[in-house]
């Protein structure tokens, strides 16, 4: 990879924004750590019972507890896939003789769609849990 990493291109394919290679690397590592900590804190606190309020809402044995844990872990995986896509796109910008940046257009439509579906599923899970609490 070159010393200057292009992170943005204009409509003609010319790099119009670049970062130093080390800055990009450490920014991606920091982003990865922050996003993973944010997405994994909630399910880990539910599993270890450190978050008493969430443990009261999703007690052990509740089927929605398993659903919400699965949602959080799969959301973390989806965030990691999105970050991986970003890294591969930056690689494509900087090595255009190997792979064209335009070949990522399908993935740029797929990832936001998947994120949207995951957020909708969170609301579906929460509505189902609230209805089960009302019935009890």
C-alpha atoms as a PDB file:
ATOM      1  CA  UNK A   1       0.000   0.000   0.000  1.00  0.00           C
ATOM      2  CA  UNK A   2       1.304   3.488  -0.750  1.00  0.00           C
ATOM      3  CA  UNK A   3       2.309   5.953   1.969  1.00  0.00           C
ATOM      4  CA  UNK A   4      -0.778   8.069   1.257  1.00  0.00           C
ATOM      5  CA  UNK A   5      -4.022   6.064   1.295  1.00  0.00           C
ATOM      6  CA  UNK A   6      -6.856   7.413  -0.819  1.00  0.00           C
ATOM      7  CA  UNK A   7     -10.154   7.209   1.028  1.00  0.00           C
ATOM      8  CA  UNK A   8     -12.450   9.071  -1.352  1.00  0.00           C
ATOM      9  CA  UNK A   9     -12.771   9.382  -5.113  1.00  0.00           C
ATOM     10  CA  UNK A  10     -14.748  11.767  -7.273  1.00  0.00           C
ATOM     11  CA  UNK A  11     -17.023  10.782 -10.147  1.00  0.00           C
ATOM     12  CA  UNK A  12     -14.097  10.605 -12.587  1.00  0.00           C
ATOM     13  CA  UNK A  13     -12.173   8.143 -10.381  1.00  0.00           C
ATOM     14  CA  UNK A  14      -9.535  10.595  -9.166  1.00  0.00           C
ATOM     15  CA  UNK A  15      -8.586  10.358  -5.495  1.00  0.00           C
ATOM     16  CA  UNK A  16      -9.680  13.606  -3.863  1.00  0.00           C
ATOM     17  CA  UNK A  17      -9.039  12.788  -0.195  1.00  0.00           C
ATOM     18  CA  UNK A  18      -6.205  10.831   1.317  1.00  0.00           C
ATOM     19  CA  UNK A  19      -4.725   9.955   4.688  1.00  0.00           C
ATOM     20  CA  UNK A  20      -1.316   8.834   5.781  1.00  0.00           C
ATOM     21  CA  UNK A  21      -1.107   5.036   5.881  1.00  0.00           C
ATOM     22  CA  UNK A  22      -0.483   4.847   9.635  1.00  0.00           C
ATOM     23  CA  UNK A  23      -3.358   7.204  10.415  1.00  0.00           C
ATOM     24  CA  UNK A  24      -5.759   5.089   8.367  1.00  0.00           C
ATOM     25  CA  UNK A  25      -4.546   1.872  10.010  1.00  0.00           C
ATOM     26  CA  UNK A  26      -4.890   3.149  13.570  1.00  0.00           C
ATOM     27  CA  UNK A  27      -8.217   4.837  12.816  1.00  0.00           C
ATOM     28  CA  UNK A  28      -9.613   1.536  11.535  1.00  0.00           C
ATOM     29  CA  UNK A  29      -8.295  -0.342  14.583  1.00  0.00           C
ATOM     30  CA  UNK A  30      -9.853   2.267  16.908  1.00  0.00           C
ATOM     31  CA  UNK A  31     -13.153   2.141  15.010  1.00  0.00           C
ATOM     32  CA  UNK A  32     -13.155  -1.651  15.191  1.00  0.00           C
ATOM     33  CA  UNK A  33     -12.512  -1.645  18.948  1.00  0.00           C
ATOM     34  CA  UNK A  34     -15.083   1.054  19.723  1.00  0.00           C
ATOM     35  CA  UNK A  35     -17.832  -0.535  17.614  1.00  0.00           C
ATOM     36  CA  UNK A  36     -17.176  -3.998  19.033  1.00  0.00           C
ATOM     37  CA  UNK A  37     -17.110  -2.719  22.597  1.00  0.00           C
ATOM     38  CA  UNK A  38     -20.376  -0.855  22.031  1.00  0.00           C
ATOM     39  CA  UNK A  39     -22.175  -3.784  20.404  1.00  0.00           C
ATOM     40  CA  UNK A  40     -20.868  -6.449  22.774  1.00  0.00           C
ATOM     41  CA  UNK A  41     -21.241  -4.583  26.076  1.00  0.00           C
ATOM     42  CA  UNK A  42     -25.020  -5.010  26.253  1.00  0.00           C
ATOM     43  CA  UNK A  43     -25.212  -8.778  25.629  1.00  0.00           C
ATOM     44  CA  UNK A  44     -22.246  -9.456  27.898  1.00  0.00           C
ATOM     45  CA  UNK A  45     -23.814  -7.414  30.692  1.00  0.00           C
ATOM     46  CA  UNK A  46     -27.051  -9.367  30.210  1.00  0.00           C
ATOM     47  CA  UNK A  47     -25.269 -12.734  30.265  1.00  0.00           C
ATOM     48  CA  UNK A  48     -23.208 -11.906  33.355  1.00  0.00           C
ATOM     49  CA  UNK A  49     -26.206 -10.273  35.103  1.00  0.00           C
ATOM     50  CA  UNK A  50     -24.290  -7.042  35.764  1.00  0.00           C
ATOM     51  CA  UNK A  51     -27.078  -4.961  34.232  1.00  0.00           C
ATOM     52  CA  UNK A  52     -29.900  -5.580  36.715  1.00  0.00           C
ATOM     53  CA  UNK A  53     -32.535  -3.662  34.757  1.00  0.00           C
ATOM     54  CA  UNK A  54     -31.963  -5.668  31.584  1.00  0.00           C
ATOM     55  CA  UNK A  55     -31.831  -8.879  33.595  1.00  0.00           C
ATOM     56  CA  UNK A  56     -35.281  -8.098  35.022  1.00  0.00           C
ATOM     57  CA  UNK A  57     -36.664  -7.486  31.538  1.00  0.00           C
ATOM     58  CA  UNK A  58     -34.948 -10.550  30.026  1.00  0.00           C
ATOM     59  CA  UNK A  59     -34.637 -13.134  32.839  1.00  0.00           C
ATOM     60  CA  UNK A  60     -32.941 -16.502  32.408  1.00  0.00           C
ATOM     61  CA  UNK A  61     -35.302 -18.913  30.663  1.00  0.00           C
ATOM     62  CA  UNK A  62     -37.175 -16.213  28.755  1.00  0.00           C
ATOM     63  CA  UNK A  63     -37.176 -17.037  25.019  1.00  0.00           C
ATOM     64  CA  UNK A  64     -36.817 -13.348  24.183  1.00  0.00           C
ATOM     65  CA  UNK A  65     -33.545 -13.312  26.122  1.00  0.00           C
ATOM     66  CA  UNK A  66     -32.037 -15.728  23.618  1.00  0.00           C
ATOM     67  CA  UNK A  67     -33.476 -13.736  20.727  1.00  0.00           C
ATOM     68  CA  UNK A  68     -32.076 -10.433  21.983  1.00  0.00           C
ATOM     69  CA  UNK A  69     -28.666 -11.990  22.668  1.00  0.00           C
ATOM     70  CA  UNK A  70     -28.625 -13.461  19.168  1.00  0.00           C
ATOM     71  CA  UNK A  71     -29.646 -10.095  17.740  1.00  0.00           C
ATOM     72  CA  UNK A  72     -26.819  -8.231  19.486  1.00  0.00           C
ATOM     73  CA  UNK A  73     -24.150 -10.772  18.519  1.00  0.00           C
ATOM     74  CA  UNK A  74     -25.320 -10.897  14.908  1.00  0.00           C
ATOM     75  CA  UNK A  75     -25.466  -7.090  14.811  1.00  0.00           C
ATOM     76  CA  UNK A  76     -21.835  -7.026  15.956  1.00  0.00           C
ATOM     77  CA  UNK A  77     -20.973  -9.419  13.144  1.00  0.00           C
ATOM     78  CA  UNK A  78     -22.797  -7.196  10.665  1.00  0.00           C
ATOM     79  CA  UNK A  79     -20.878  -4.150  11.895  1.00  0.00           C
ATOM     80  CA  UNK A  80     -17.619  -6.071  11.441  1.00  0.00           C
ATOM     81  CA  UNK A  81     -18.629  -7.055   7.908  1.00  0.00           C
ATOM     82  CA  UNK A  82     -19.367  -3.397   7.147  1.00  0.00           C
ATOM     83  CA  UNK A  83     -15.934  -2.364   8.424  1.00  0.00           C
ATOM     84  CA  UNK A  84     -14.345  -5.116   6.354  1.00  0.00           C
ATOM     85  CA  UNK A  85     -16.188  -3.847   3.284  1.00  0.00           C
ATOM     86  CA  UNK A  86     -14.867  -0.361   3.979  1.00  0.00           C
ATOM     87  CA  UNK A  87     -11.295  -1.654   4.181  1.00  0.00           C
ATOM     88  CA  UNK A  88     -11.649  -3.620   0.931  1.00  0.00           C
ATOM     89  CA  UNK A  89     -13.124  -0.556  -0.769  1.00  0.00           C
ATOM     90  CA  UNK A  90     -10.153   1.566   0.318  1.00  0.00           C
ATOM     91  CA  UNK A  91      -7.893  -1.212  -0.971  1.00  0.00           C
ATOM     92  CA  UNK A  92      -9.709  -1.078  -4.310  1.00  0.00           C
ATOM     93  CA  UNK A  93      -9.311   2.712  -4.501  1.00  0.00           C
ATOM     94  CA  UNK A  94      -5.576   2.423  -3.950  1.00  0.00           C
ATOM     95  CA  UNK A  95      -4.990  -0.599  -6.215  1.00  0.00           C
ATOM     96  CA  UNK A  96      -7.253   0.049  -9.159  1.00  0.00           C
ATOM     97  CA  UNK A  97      -5.265  -2.186 -11.490  1.00  0.00           C
ATOM     98  CA  UNK A  98      -6.259  -5.229  -9.387  1.00  0.00           C
ATOM     99  CA  UNK A  99      -9.914  -4.537  -8.629  1.00  0.00           C
ATOM    100  CA  UNK A 100     -12.176  -1.668  -9.638  1.00  0.00           C
ATOM    101  CA  UNK A 101     -13.841   0.355  -6.913  1.00  0.00           C
ATOM    102  CA  UNK A 102     -17.062   0.217  -8.936  1.00  0.00           C
ATOM    103  CA  UNK A 103     -17.316  -3.536  -8.276  1.00  0.00           C
ATOM    104  CA  UNK A 104     -18.405  -2.721  -4.721  1.00  0.00           C
ATOM    105  CA  UNK A 105     -21.660  -1.021  -5.729  1.00  0.00           C
ATOM    106  CA  UNK A 106     -23.754  -4.131  -4.951  1.00  0.00           C
ATOM    107  CA  UNK A 107     -22.264  -4.351  -1.460  1.00  0.00           C
ATOM    108  CA  UNK A 108     -22.900  -0.659  -0.819  1.00  0.00           C
ATOM    109  CA  UNK A 109     -26.602  -1.304  -1.388  1.00  0.00           C
ATOM    110  CA  UNK A 110     -26.633  -4.591   0.516  1.00  0.00           C
ATOM    111  CA  UNK A 111     -24.990  -3.461   3.774  1.00  0.00           C
ATOM    112  CA  UNK A 112     -27.346  -0.543   4.559  1.00  0.00           C
ATOM    113  CA  UNK A 113     -30.283  -2.788   3.659  1.00  0.00           C
ATOM    114  CA  UNK A 114     -29.070  -5.451   6.081  1.00  0.00           C
ATOM    115  CA  UNK A 115     -28.506  -2.855   8.799  1.00  0.00           C
ATOM    116  CA  UNK A 116     -32.031  -1.560   8.254  1.00  0.00           C
ATOM    117  CA  UNK A 117     -33.478  -5.084   8.446  1.00  0.00           C
ATOM    118  CA  UNK A 118     -31.535  -5.743  11.668  1.00  0.00           C
ATOM    119  CA  UNK A 119     -32.865  -2.565  13.297  1.00  0.00           C
ATOM    120  CA  UNK A 120     -36.417  -3.433  12.219  1.00  0.00           C
ATOM    121  CA  UNK A 121     -35.962  -6.904  13.721  1.00  0.00           C
ATOM    122  CA  UNK A 122     -34.860  -5.307  16.994  1.00  0.00           C
ATOM    123  CA  UNK A 123     -38.121  -3.378  17.123  1.00  0.00           C
ATOM    124  CA  UNK A 124     -40.064  -6.550  16.263  1.00  0.00           C
ATOM    125  CA  UNK A 125     -38.327  -8.346  19.150  1.00  0.00           C
ATOM    126  CA  UNK A 126     -39.011  -5.508  21.558  1.00  0.00           C
ATOM    127  CA  UNK A 127     -42.682  -5.270  20.552  1.00  0.00           C
ATOM    128  CA  UNK A 128     -43.019  -9.037  21.014  1.00  0.00           C
ATOM    129  CA  UNK A 129     -41.407  -8.813  24.446  1.00  0.00           C
ATOM    130  CA  UNK A 130     -43.629  -5.914  25.504  1.00  0.00           C
ATOM    131  CA  UNK A 131     -46.723  -7.861  24.400  1.00  0.00           C
ATOM    132  CA  UNK A 132     -45.608 -10.898  26.386  1.00  0.00           C
ATOM    133  CA  UNK A 133     -45.064  -8.692  29.454  1.00  0.00           C
ATOM    134  CA  UNK A 134     -48.557  -7.211  29.048  1.00  0.00           C
ATOM    135  CA  UNK A 135     -50.094 -10.704  28.877  1.00  0.00           C
ATOM    136  CA  UNK A 136     -48.330 -11.759  32.092  1.00  0.00           C
END
